[in-house]
Structure formats: structure tokens, C-alpha cells
Amino acid sequence: MVSVSQSDTGADVAPPRCPRCGHPVAWAANPARPFCSIGCQLIDLGDWLDERYRLPGPPVGASPPAELEALEPTRGGDSDPKSPRGA
């Protein structure tokens, strides 16, 4: 069990909690941190890979906003730096 530690100011500080299960996490020498175990870490990774977590934004495949279109470089001409000159 992880005990309450003292910070530099002397105040009692509760140990961090696993974002997956909520158990206290031993921070030092824990390769799975911020998770309590490799199991919780892999479950969380699986949730990301299954797209259970989503960030807000426009639907995929939607056209970009007008302000982003204005920032894109124009395509055409000999603007490709890889193309040989005079060819």
C-alpha cells in the first residue's frame, strides 16, 4: 500500500491515483506510471486504439475551414524542390 508522503513544504500530500482504476500509484521506479500497473496501462491503450476516446473537432473528411485553406501553399508550376531543373 502506498502511504501519504510529505512535500517540500511539510504538508501531507496524497499519492497520485491511477487514471484507469483509481488505486494509489507508487511513482518512483514504476515503469507503468501514471498507471498503477502494466495491466491498467494496456487497457487504456486498447481504449485509445479502439477509438473509445475522442477529441472534439470537425468530422473526418470534412473540408478544412477557410482560414486553413488560405494558409496552404498553392500547388502548381515548378514549386517542387525535388524536381530537376530544366527537365
C-alpha atoms as a PDB file:
ATOM      1  CA  MET A   1       0.000   0.000   0.000  1.00  0.00           C
ATOM      2  CA  VAL A   2       1.232   3.481  -0.821  1.00  0.00           C
ATOM      3  CA  SER A   3       1.377   5.824   2.141  1.00  0.00           C
ATOM      4  CA  VAL A   4       0.865   9.562   2.321  1.00  0.00           C
ATOM      5  CA  SER A   5       4.142  11.429   1.873  1.00  0.00           C
ATOM      6  CA  GLN A   6       5.278  14.906   2.814  1.00  0.00           C
ATOM      7  CA  SER A   7       6.096  17.555   0.242  1.00  0.00           C
ATOM      8  CA  ASP A   8       8.937  20.091   0.481  1.00  0.00           C
ATOM      9  CA  THR A   9       6.627  22.408   2.428  1.00  0.00           C
ATOM     10  CA  GLY A  10       5.937  19.749   5.058  1.00  0.00           C
ATOM     11  CA  ALA A  11       2.274  19.371   4.128  1.00  0.00           C
ATOM     12  CA  ASP A  12       0.818  15.890   3.727  1.00  0.00           C
ATOM     13  CA  VAL A  13       0.331  15.001   0.065  1.00  0.00           C
ATOM     14  CA  ALA A  14      -1.837  12.126  -1.103  1.00  0.00           C
ATOM     15  CA  PRO A  15      -0.169   9.822  -3.627  1.00  0.00           C
ATOM     16  CA  PRO A  16      -1.305  10.125  -7.239  1.00  0.00           C
ATOM     17  CA  ARG A  17      -4.109   7.837  -8.353  1.00  0.00           C
ATOM     18  CA  CYS A  18      -4.263   5.543 -11.370  1.00  0.00           C
ATOM     19  CA  PRO A  19      -6.385   7.226 -14.073  1.00  0.00           C
ATOM     20  CA  ARG A  20      -7.859   3.836 -15.007  1.00  0.00           C
ATOM     21  CA  CYS A  21      -8.831   2.194 -11.703  1.00  0.00           C
ATOM     22  CA  GLY A  22      -8.208   4.875  -9.055  1.00  0.00           C
ATOM     23  CA  HIS A  23      -5.729   2.898  -6.915  1.00  0.00           C
ATOM     24  CA  PRO A  24      -2.839   4.817  -5.355  1.00  0.00           C
ATOM     25  CA  VAL A  25       0.265   4.765  -7.554  1.00  0.00           C
ATOM     26  CA  ALA A  26       3.834   4.257  -6.335  1.00  0.00           C
ATOM     27  CA  TRP A  27       5.561   6.864  -8.505  1.00  0.00           C
ATOM     28  CA  ALA A  28       9.254   6.038  -8.005  1.00  0.00           C
ATOM     29  CA  ALA A  29      10.571   3.146 -10.128  1.00  0.00           C
ATOM     30  CA  ASN A  30       7.134   2.466 -11.629  1.00  0.00           C
ATOM     31  CA  PRO A  31       7.506   1.759 -15.375  1.00  0.00           C
ATOM     32  CA  ALA A  32       3.712   1.964 -15.856  1.00  0.00           C
ATOM     33  CA  ARG A  33       3.207   5.408 -14.351  1.00  0.00           C
ATOM     34  CA  PRO A  34       0.853   7.247 -14.280  1.00  0.00           C
ATOM     35  CA  PHE A  35      -0.952   3.903 -14.114  1.00  0.00           C
ATOM     36  CA  CYS A  36      -0.712   1.507 -11.170  1.00  0.00           C
ATOM     37  CA  SER A  37       0.211  -1.479 -13.340  1.00  0.00           C
ATOM     38  CA  ILE A  38       1.019  -2.591 -16.865  1.00  0.00           C
ATOM     39  CA  GLY A  39      -2.499  -4.087 -16.996  1.00  0.00           C
ATOM     40  CA  CYS A  40      -4.179  -0.704 -16.472  1.00  0.00           C
ATOM     41  CA  GLN A  41      -1.758   0.842 -18.967  1.00  0.00           C
ATOM     42  CA  LEU A  42      -2.653  -1.740 -21.642  1.00  0.00           C
ATOM     43  CA  ILE A  43      -6.395  -1.410 -21.027  1.00  0.00           C
ATOM     44  CA  ASP A  44      -6.106   2.355 -21.515  1.00  0.00           C
ATOM     45  CA  LEU A  45      -4.033   1.872 -24.684  1.00  0.00           C
ATOM     46  CA  GLY A  46      -6.686  -0.512 -26.008  1.00  0.00           C
ATOM     47  CA  ASP A  47      -9.375   2.112 -25.401  1.00  0.00           C
ATOM     48  CA  TRP A  48      -7.376   4.633 -27.450  1.00  0.00           C
ATOM     49  CA  LEU A  49      -6.778   2.122 -30.251  1.00  0.00           C
ATOM     50  CA  ASP A  50     -10.478   1.177 -30.315  1.00  0.00           C
ATOM     51  CA  GLU A  51     -11.237   4.917 -30.608  1.00  0.00           C
ATOM     52  CA  ARG A  52     -13.277   4.994 -27.399  1.00  0.00           C
ATOM     53  CA  TYR A  53     -11.617   8.291 -26.515  1.00  0.00           C
ATOM     54  CA  ARG A  54     -12.340  11.061 -28.976  1.00  0.00           C
ATOM     55  CA  LEU A  55     -11.144  14.603 -29.212  1.00  0.00           C
ATOM     56  CA  PRO A  56     -13.688  17.218 -30.303  1.00  0.00           C
ATOM     57  CA  GLY A  57     -13.317  18.527 -33.813  1.00  0.00           C
ATOM     58  CA  PRO A  58     -14.843  18.528 -37.269  1.00  0.00           C
ATOM     59  CA  PRO A  59     -15.846  15.182 -38.739  1.00  0.00           C
ATOM     60  CA  VAL A  60     -13.106  13.320 -40.583  1.00  0.00           C
ATOM     61  CA  GLY A  61     -13.287  14.016 -44.285  1.00  0.00           C
ATOM     62  CA  ALA A  62     -14.873  17.428 -43.842  1.00  0.00           C
ATOM     63  CA  SER A  63     -13.340  20.258 -45.821  1.00  0.00           C
ATOM     64  CA  PRO A  64     -10.888  22.398 -43.829  1.00  0.00           C
ATOM     65  CA  PRO A  65     -12.024  25.795 -42.541  1.00  0.00           C
ATOM     66  CA  ALA A  66     -11.465  28.740 -44.881  1.00  0.00           C
ATOM     67  CA  GLU A  67      -8.677  30.185 -42.719  1.00  0.00           C
ATOM     68  CA  LEU A  68      -6.677  26.952 -43.099  1.00  0.00           C
ATOM     69  CA  GLU A  69      -7.213  26.849 -46.855  1.00  0.00           C
ATOM     70  CA  ALA A  70      -5.717  30.340 -47.090  1.00  0.00           C
ATOM     71  CA  LEU A  71      -2.547  29.129 -45.327  1.00  0.00           C
ATOM     72  CA  GLU A  72      -1.906  26.194 -47.684  1.00  0.00           C
ATOM     73  CA  PRO A  73       0.731  26.820 -50.350  1.00  0.00           C
ATOM     74  CA  THR A  74      -0.526  26.964 -53.900  1.00  0.00           C
ATOM     75  CA  ARG A  75       0.164  23.883 -55.954  1.00  0.00           C
ATOM     76  CA  GLY A  76       1.373  24.116 -59.488  1.00  0.00           C
ATOM     77  CA  GLY A  77       4.310  25.279 -61.527  1.00  0.00           C
ATOM     78  CA  ASP A  78       7.850  24.238 -60.642  1.00  0.00           C
ATOM     79  CA  SER A  79       7.482  24.693 -56.879  1.00  0.00           C
ATOM     80  CA  ASP A  80       8.602  21.121 -56.154  1.00  0.00           C
ATOM     81  CA  PRO A  81      12.149  21.345 -54.721  1.00  0.00           C
ATOM     82  CA  LYS A  82      12.812  17.693 -55.651  1.00  0.00           C
ATOM     83  CA  SER A  83      12.161  18.127 -59.375  1.00  0.00           C
ATOM     84  CA  PRO A  84      15.246  18.529 -61.569  1.00  0.00           C
ATOM     85  CA  ARG A  85      15.725  21.983 -63.013  1.00  0.00           C
ATOM     86  CA  GLY A  86      15.417  22.415 -66.735  1.00  0.00           C
ATOM     87  CA  ALA A  87      13.875  18.992 -67.214  1.00  0.00           C
END
